[in-house]
Protein backbone atom coordinates (compact mmCIF):
# COMPACT_ATOMS: atom_id res chain seq x y z
CA MET A 1 81.86 91.73 120.18
CA LYS A 2 79.77 93.59 122.71
CA ILE A 3 81.29 95.45 125.59
CA ALA A 4 79.85 96.55 128.95
CA SER A 5 81.39 97.62 132.25
CA VAL A 6 80.53 97.32 135.90
CA VAL A 7 81.68 100.39 137.88
CA GLY A 8 81.23 101.87 141.39
CA LYS A 9 82.88 102.93 144.51
CA LYS A 10 85.00 100.55 146.69
CA ASN A 11 83.13 97.83 148.63
CA THR A 12 79.93 98.25 146.62
CA GLY A 13 79.98 94.65 145.23
CA LYS A 14 81.46 95.27 141.76
CA THR A 15 83.22 91.96 141.67
CA SER A 16 80.30 89.88 142.84
CA LEU A 17 78.02 91.55 140.30
CA THR A 18 80.50 91.07 137.47
CA VAL A 19 80.83 87.49 138.29
CA LYS A 20 77.04 86.95 138.22
CA ILE A 21 76.81 88.72 134.82
CA ILE A 22 79.62 86.54 133.33
CA ASN A 23 78.04 83.46 134.64
CA GLU A 24 74.58 84.32 133.23
CA LEU A 25 76.07 85.28 129.79
CA THR A 26 78.08 82.03 129.81
CA LYS A 27 74.96 79.96 130.59
CA ARG A 28 73.38 81.50 127.52
CA GLY A 29 76.12 79.87 125.50
CA TYR A 30 78.16 83.03 124.85
CA ASN A 31 81.90 83.25 124.56
CA VAL A 32 82.81 85.80 127.26
CA ALA A 33 85.97 87.59 128.04
CA SER A 34 86.56 89.90 131.17
CA ILE A 35 88.90 92.64 132.12
CA LYS A 36 89.61 93.82 135.70
CA HIS A 37 91.04 97.21 136.36
CA SER A 38 92.45 98.37 139.63
CA HIS A 39 94.20 101.50 140.89
CA HIS A 40 96.56 99.17 142.83
CA SER A 41 99.23 96.89 141.33
CA ILE A 42 97.81 93.47 140.33
CA GLU A 43 100.35 90.70 140.55
CA MET A 44 99.65 87.66 138.26
CA ASP A 45 102.63 85.85 139.51
CA LYS A 46 103.87 84.79 142.99
CA GLU A 47 107.29 86.02 144.25
CA ASN A 48 110.33 83.75 143.56
CA THR A 49 108.53 81.75 140.86
CA ASP A 50 110.41 81.32 137.56
CA THR A 51 108.21 83.90 135.68
CA TRP A 52 108.53 86.36 138.60
CA LYS A 53 112.20 86.06 138.15
CA HIS A 54 111.97 86.80 134.44
CA LYS A 55 110.08 90.05 135.24
CA GLN A 56 112.62 91.00 137.89
CA ALA A 57 115.37 90.56 135.42
CA GLY A 58 113.86 93.18 133.17
CA ALA A 59 111.47 91.41 130.81
CA ASN A 60 108.65 93.94 129.81
CA LEU A 61 106.28 91.07 129.03
CA VAL A 62 106.25 87.61 130.60
CA VAL A 63 104.00 84.81 129.31
CA GLY A 64 103.33 81.88 131.47
CA VAL A 65 101.98 78.78 129.64
CA GLY A 66 100.86 75.58 131.39
CA SER A 67 97.41 74.32 132.03
CA THR A 68 96.40 78.03 131.63
CA THR A 69 98.15 80.95 129.79
CA PHE A 70 98.73 84.37 131.33
CA PHE A 71 100.37 87.46 130.20
CA ASN A 72 102.13 89.81 132.74
CA ALA A 73 103.07 93.20 131.21
CA ARG A 74 105.19 95.84 132.98
CA LYS A 75 103.21 98.79 131.82
CA GLU A 76 99.53 99.58 132.00
CA HIS A 77 98.01 99.58 128.51
CA ASP A 78 95.09 101.59 127.26
CA LEU A 79 91.68 99.92 127.49
CA ASN A 80 91.00 100.17 123.78
CA ARG A 81 94.31 98.57 123.03
CA ILE A 82 93.47 95.63 125.21
CA LEU A 83 90.01 95.31 123.65
CA TYR A 84 91.64 95.25 120.20
CA LEU A 85 94.05 92.55 121.19
CA LEU A 86 91.19 90.37 122.49
CA LYS A 87 89.98 90.24 118.86
CA HIS A 88 93.15 88.31 118.07
CA PHE A 89 92.71 85.76 120.86
CA ASP A 90 89.25 84.51 120.04
CA ASP A 91 85.81 85.40 118.62
CA PHE A 92 84.43 86.74 121.89
CA ASP A 93 80.68 87.61 122.05
CA PHE A 94 80.99 89.77 125.06
CA VAL A 95 83.69 91.54 127.11
CA ILE A 96 82.62 92.39 130.67
CA ILE A 97 84.83 95.00 132.27
CA GLU A 98 85.05 95.61 135.98
CA GLY A 99 86.31 99.21 136.52
CA TYR A 100 87.55 101.71 134.01
CA LYS A 101 84.78 104.22 134.95
CA SER A 102 86.29 107.04 132.93
CA TYR A 103 85.77 105.24 129.64
CA ASN A 104 82.94 105.56 127.18
CA TYR A 105 81.34 102.06 127.26
CA PRO A 106 77.83 101.06 128.61
CA LYS A 107 78.00 101.06 132.35
CA ILE A 108 76.15 99.18 135.08
CA ILE A 109 76.78 101.16 138.20
CA THR A 110 76.78 99.88 141.82
CA SER A 111 76.84 103.26 143.50
CA PRO A 112 74.92 106.41 142.43
CA ASN A 113 77.89 108.82 142.72
CA VAL A 114 79.57 107.35 139.60
CA ARG A 115 76.59 107.92 137.29
CA ASP A 116 77.31 109.56 134.00
CA GLU A 117 75.99 109.73 130.44
CA TYR A 118 77.18 106.12 129.69
CA THR A 119 75.11 104.55 132.56
CA ILE A 120 72.57 102.07 131.38
CA ALA A 121 71.50 100.68 134.72
CA GLU A 122 72.05 101.17 138.51
CA VAL A 123 71.66 98.19 140.80
CA ASP A 124 72.28 97.10 144.38
CA SER A 125 74.70 94.33 143.84
CA PHE A 126 74.07 92.91 147.35
CA THR A 127 70.28 92.36 147.02
CA ILE A 128 69.93 91.66 143.29
CA ASP A 129 68.35 88.23 142.49
CA ASP A 130 68.54 85.82 139.65
CA LYS A 131 65.71 87.63 137.83
CA GLY A 132 67.58 90.90 138.12
CA VAL A 133 70.86 89.47 136.85
CA SER A 134 68.94 87.92 133.92
CA GLU A 135 67.47 91.36 133.11
CA LEU A 136 70.92 92.84 133.16
CA ALA A 137 72.21 90.31 130.77
CA ASP A 138 69.24 91.15 128.48
CA LEU A 139 70.19 94.82 128.77
CA ILE A 140 73.89 94.09 127.90
CA GLU A 141 72.76 92.04 124.84
CA ASN A 142 70.70 94.95 123.58
CA ARG A 143 72.90 97.88 124.69
CA GLY A 144 76.40 96.52 124.53
CA HIS A 145 78.61 97.45 121.56
CA ASP A 146 82.12 97.09 120.04
CA ILE A 147 85.03 99.35 120.35
CA VAL A 148 83.64 102.92 119.94
CA ASP A 149 85.88 103.93 116.93
CA THR A 150 84.88 100.75 114.94
CA LEU A 151 81.24 101.65 114.88
CA PHE A 152 79.71 102.64 111.51
CA ALA A 153 76.12 102.88 110.48
CA ASN A 154 73.88 103.79 107.49
CA ASN A 155 75.95 102.06 104.89
CA CYS A 156 79.19 103.94 105.64
CA GLY A 157 77.60 107.41 105.96
CA PHE A 158 77.13 107.66 109.65
CA ASN A 159 80.64 107.42 111.10
CA ASN A 160 80.74 109.25 114.40
CA GLY A 161 81.37 106.40 116.83
CA GLU A 162 80.45 108.35 119.91
CA THR A 163 76.98 109.32 118.43
CA ILE A 164 76.35 105.81 117.34
CA ALA A 165 77.35 104.32 120.82
CA LYS A 166 74.93 106.82 122.41
CA GLU A 167 72.09 105.79 120.13
CA ILE A 168 72.81 102.13 121.01
CA ARG A 169 72.94 102.88 124.82
CA GLU A 170 69.58 104.66 124.60
CA GLY A 171 67.91 101.87 122.67
CA ASN A 172 67.43 103.95 119.44
CA LEU A 173 69.76 101.82 117.34
CA SER A 174 70.54 98.16 117.28
CA VAL A 175 73.93 96.62 116.71
CA ASP A 176 72.28 94.57 114.03
CA GLU A 177 71.67 97.82 112.05
CA LEU A 178 75.36 98.68 111.90
CA ASP A 179 77.64 98.31 108.91
CA ASP A 180 79.03 94.71 108.66
CA VAL A 181 82.67 95.46 109.20
CA HIS A 182 85.05 92.70 108.06
CA SER A 183 88.44 94.10 109.14
CA TYR A 184 89.91 95.87 112.20
CA LEU A 185 93.02 98.01 112.13
CA SER A 186 95.42 99.36 114.78
CA ILE A 187 98.26 101.77 114.00
CA ASP A 188 100.86 102.39 116.65
CA GLU A 189 98.52 101.03 119.28
CA HIS A 190 95.69 103.35 118.22
CA VAL A 191 92.50 101.65 117.00
CA VAL A 192 91.51 103.13 113.61
CA GLY A 193 87.77 102.92 112.49
CA LEU A 194 87.12 101.26 109.06
CA ASN A 195 83.73 101.62 107.48
CA ARG A 196 82.15 98.81 105.51
CA PHE A 197 83.66 99.74 102.20
CA VAL A 198 87.26 100.19 103.55
CA SER A 199 87.10 97.08 105.64
CA ASP A 200 85.81 94.96 102.83
CA TYR A 201 88.31 96.55 100.44
CA LEU A 202 91.18 95.56 102.73
CA LYS A 203 89.79 92.12 103.25
CA GLN A 204 89.47 91.44 99.54
CA ASN A 205 92.95 92.77 98.81
CA ILE A 206 94.64 90.66 101.54
CA ILE A 207 92.70 87.50 100.53
CA GLY A 208 93.66 88.19 96.96
CA VAL A 209 97.36 88.14 97.88
CA ILE A 210 96.99 85.13 100.11
CA ASN A 211 95.28 83.16 97.37
CA THR A 212 98.63 83.19 95.46
CA LEU A 213 100.48 81.47 98.22
CA ASN A 214 100.97 77.76 98.64
CA LEU A 215 99.23 77.59 102.08
CA GLU A 216 99.27 73.77 102.26
CA GLU A 217 103.04 74.02 103.03
CA TYR A 218 102.04 75.85 106.24
CA ASN A 219 99.24 73.39 107.16
CA VAL A 220 96.53 75.85 106.32
CA GLU A 221 93.62 74.09 104.51
CA ASN A 222 90.88 76.71 104.77
CA ILE A 223 91.31 80.47 105.25
CA GLY A 224 89.48 81.53 108.34
CA LYS A 225 90.72 84.39 110.62
CA ILE A 226 93.73 86.37 109.13
CA GLU A 227 96.09 88.23 111.34
CA LEU A 228 98.62 90.58 109.81
CA VAL A 229 101.34 92.76 111.51
CA VAL A 230 103.11 95.39 109.35
CA PRO A 231 106.14 97.10 110.96
CA ASN A 232 106.48 100.41 109.09
CA SER A 233 108.93 103.35 109.11
CA PRO A 234 107.46 106.26 111.13
CA THR A 235 108.78 108.61 108.49
CA SER A 236 106.54 107.27 105.68
CA GLN A 237 104.90 110.05 103.74
CA LYS A 238 101.13 110.08 103.30
CA ASN A 239 99.98 109.30 99.75
CA GLU A 240 98.74 112.24 97.71
CA ASP A 241 95.74 112.32 95.37
CA SER A 242 96.27 110.81 91.90
CA GLU A 243 94.24 110.56 88.76
CA CYS A 244 92.67 107.10 88.37
CA SER A 245 90.46 105.64 85.70
CA ILE A 246 88.92 102.14 85.61
CA LEU A 247 87.44 100.29 82.66
CA ILE A 248 85.43 97.08 83.15
CA ASN A 249 84.73 95.16 79.97
CA LYS A 250 85.87 98.27 77.99
CA LYS A 251 83.31 100.44 79.82
CA SER A 252 84.29 103.28 82.11
CA LEU A 253 83.53 102.80 85.78
CA TYR A 254 82.42 105.83 87.79
CA ILE A 255 84.04 106.03 91.26
CA ASN A 256 83.98 108.90 93.74
CA LYS A 257 87.08 110.74 94.96
CA PHE A 258 87.25 108.74 98.15
CA THR A 259 87.23 105.35 96.24
CA LYS A 260 89.61 106.77 93.55
CA ASN A 261 92.12 107.64 96.23
CA ILE A 262 91.93 104.20 97.71
CA VAL A 263 92.31 102.39 94.46
CA SER A 264 95.20 104.64 93.14
CA ASN A 265 97.15 104.41 96.39
CA SER A 266 96.78 100.66 96.46
CA ILE A 267 98.01 100.33 92.83
CA LYS A 268 100.94 102.70 93.47
CA ALA A 269 101.92 100.72 96.68
CA MET A 270 101.80 97.37 94.75
CA ILE A 271 104.00 98.79 91.90
CA LYS A 272 106.37 100.32 94.39
CA SER A 273 106.74 96.92 96.12
CA ILE A 274 107.93 95.23 92.94
CA LYS A 275 110.45 98.03 92.20
CA THR A 276 109.78 98.48 88.44
CA GLU A 277 111.76 101.73 88.08
CA ASP A 278 112.42 104.97 89.94
CA ASN A 279 110.07 107.95 89.97
CA VAL A 280 107.00 106.21 88.57
CA LYS A 281 104.52 108.84 87.24
CA SER A 282 102.10 106.72 85.42
CA ILE A 283 100.88 103.12 85.69
CA PHE A 284 98.80 101.09 83.20
CA ILE A 285 97.45 97.56 84.13
CA GLN A 286 95.25 95.37 81.89
CA ILE A 287 93.94 92.03 82.87
CA SER A 288 92.10 90.16 80.07
CA ASP A 289 90.53 86.80 79.38
CA ILE A 290 89.00 86.40 82.78
CA ALA A 291 86.58 83.49 82.56
CA ASN A 292 83.90 83.00 85.32
CA GLY A 293 86.06 84.78 87.89
CA GLU A 294 88.99 82.43 87.33
CA LEU A 295 92.31 84.22 86.80
CA GLU A 296 94.61 81.16 86.18
CA ASN A 297 94.54 81.57 82.33
CA SER A 298 94.04 85.29 82.23
CA ASN A 299 96.66 87.62 80.77
CA ILE A 300 98.14 90.71 82.40
CA ILE A 301 99.94 93.71 80.93
CA LEU A 302 101.87 96.13 83.11
CA LYS A 303 103.35 99.44 82.05
CA THR A 304 105.08 102.20 84.13
CA ASN A 305 105.83 105.46 82.56
CA ASP A 306 104.67 104.02 79.24
CA HIS A 307 107.34 101.34 79.43
CA ASP A 308 106.48 97.57 79.29
CA VAL A 309 107.38 95.82 82.60
CA GLU A 310 108.31 92.13 82.59
CA ILE A 311 107.04 90.31 85.65
CA ASN A 312 107.39 86.66 86.66
CA GLU A 313 104.56 84.33 87.10
CA PHE A 314 104.39 84.65 90.91
CA THR A 315 104.24 88.46 90.76
CA SER A 316 101.74 88.39 87.91
CA GLY A 317 99.67 86.15 90.05
CA ILE A 318 99.72 88.45 93.02
CA LEU A 319 98.80 91.41 90.88
CA LYS A 320 95.99 89.65 89.14
CA GLU A 321 94.40 88.28 92.37
CA THR A 322 94.85 91.62 94.23
CA ILE A 323 93.49 93.81 91.45
CA TYR A 324 90.54 91.41 90.96
CA ALA A 325 89.82 91.61 94.67
CA ILE A 326 89.97 95.40 94.54
CA ILE A 327 87.35 95.40 91.73
CA ASN A 328 85.15 92.90 93.47
CA SER A 329 85.12 95.20 96.51
CA LEU A 330 83.39 97.73 94.29
CA HIS A 331 80.49 95.35 93.86
CA ILE A 332 80.32 95.24 90.02
CA ASP A 333 77.00 93.96 88.76
CA GLU A 334 78.26 92.21 85.60
CA GLU A 335 80.52 89.24 85.03
CA ILE A 336 84.10 90.74 84.68
CA SER A 337 86.05 89.50 81.61
CA GLU A 338 88.59 92.44 81.38
CA ILE A 339 89.91 95.12 83.75
CA GLU A 340 91.87 98.16 82.85
CA ILE A 341 93.31 100.58 85.25
CA LYS A 342 95.33 103.83 84.64
CA VAL A 343 96.93 105.74 87.52
CA ALA A 344 98.83 109.04 87.00
CA ASP A 345 100.28 111.61 89.41
């Protein structure tokens, strides 16, 4: 998803230019979303309609569904929160914003007095012709970028979103050169950046769990886009570092501290969720007899605090699929027949 904004002073043709850009991108076959920002109240519903009455009664969010769908929220949401939510609605190629001049997205300005470091073009919206609009669309294709905090480059090493965005705006870096991020995360309405490894790790884990479910009962034939909401206690403590060792086919696998923390915290969270015993200090998991990536006939052994733990078929299936997904995210070069993981506080 590439984002660009049209900003300028009042009566400088922002809306007409925004419409022309949307029209040009749409003609090119792109899926386009738009956001309009105003310092004045924008009413999406007429007075005395049913949905208007819902809002007057106190509803903080009113959704109207008919030939179209609209959302009317009582409070003004942060732009990045809105951009993140757009990812849930559809796979948009572009989001064109009118307004929000204080935000850090590539800007096409319609008046010189709003120029800043994020400006990529200045135009006269009243005299611009079709060729000029086409050139603006070209520029947005090349200089637009996703939510700033989700930008990662150089295979996870270059993770300063502001710096990456600047490089894209100035034409020194292409979006095609960025890490291929598979997952997006928001916590308490704040977008959290995930580099390629972490996003792939989460994706593999979630798919691993989902593969154990009988999805046909829910009319899901093929897994496409996955959306997950996790309500969590605000008093949850941050996981601390643990010792973690991994053996693949009886051979020790080297992992750095960052990866070790992710794997150990994931294993501890899984064991905590199945409530084996209180105050777990050590975990041992072995999955053996894996054949050609198939886990159906594999065996699993689970121990906590050196005690054998009996788990049912459903739970063992979740553990096997999830742990195999974790290991797959580490990009092991050889065929995996056995996995052994030890975690200790």
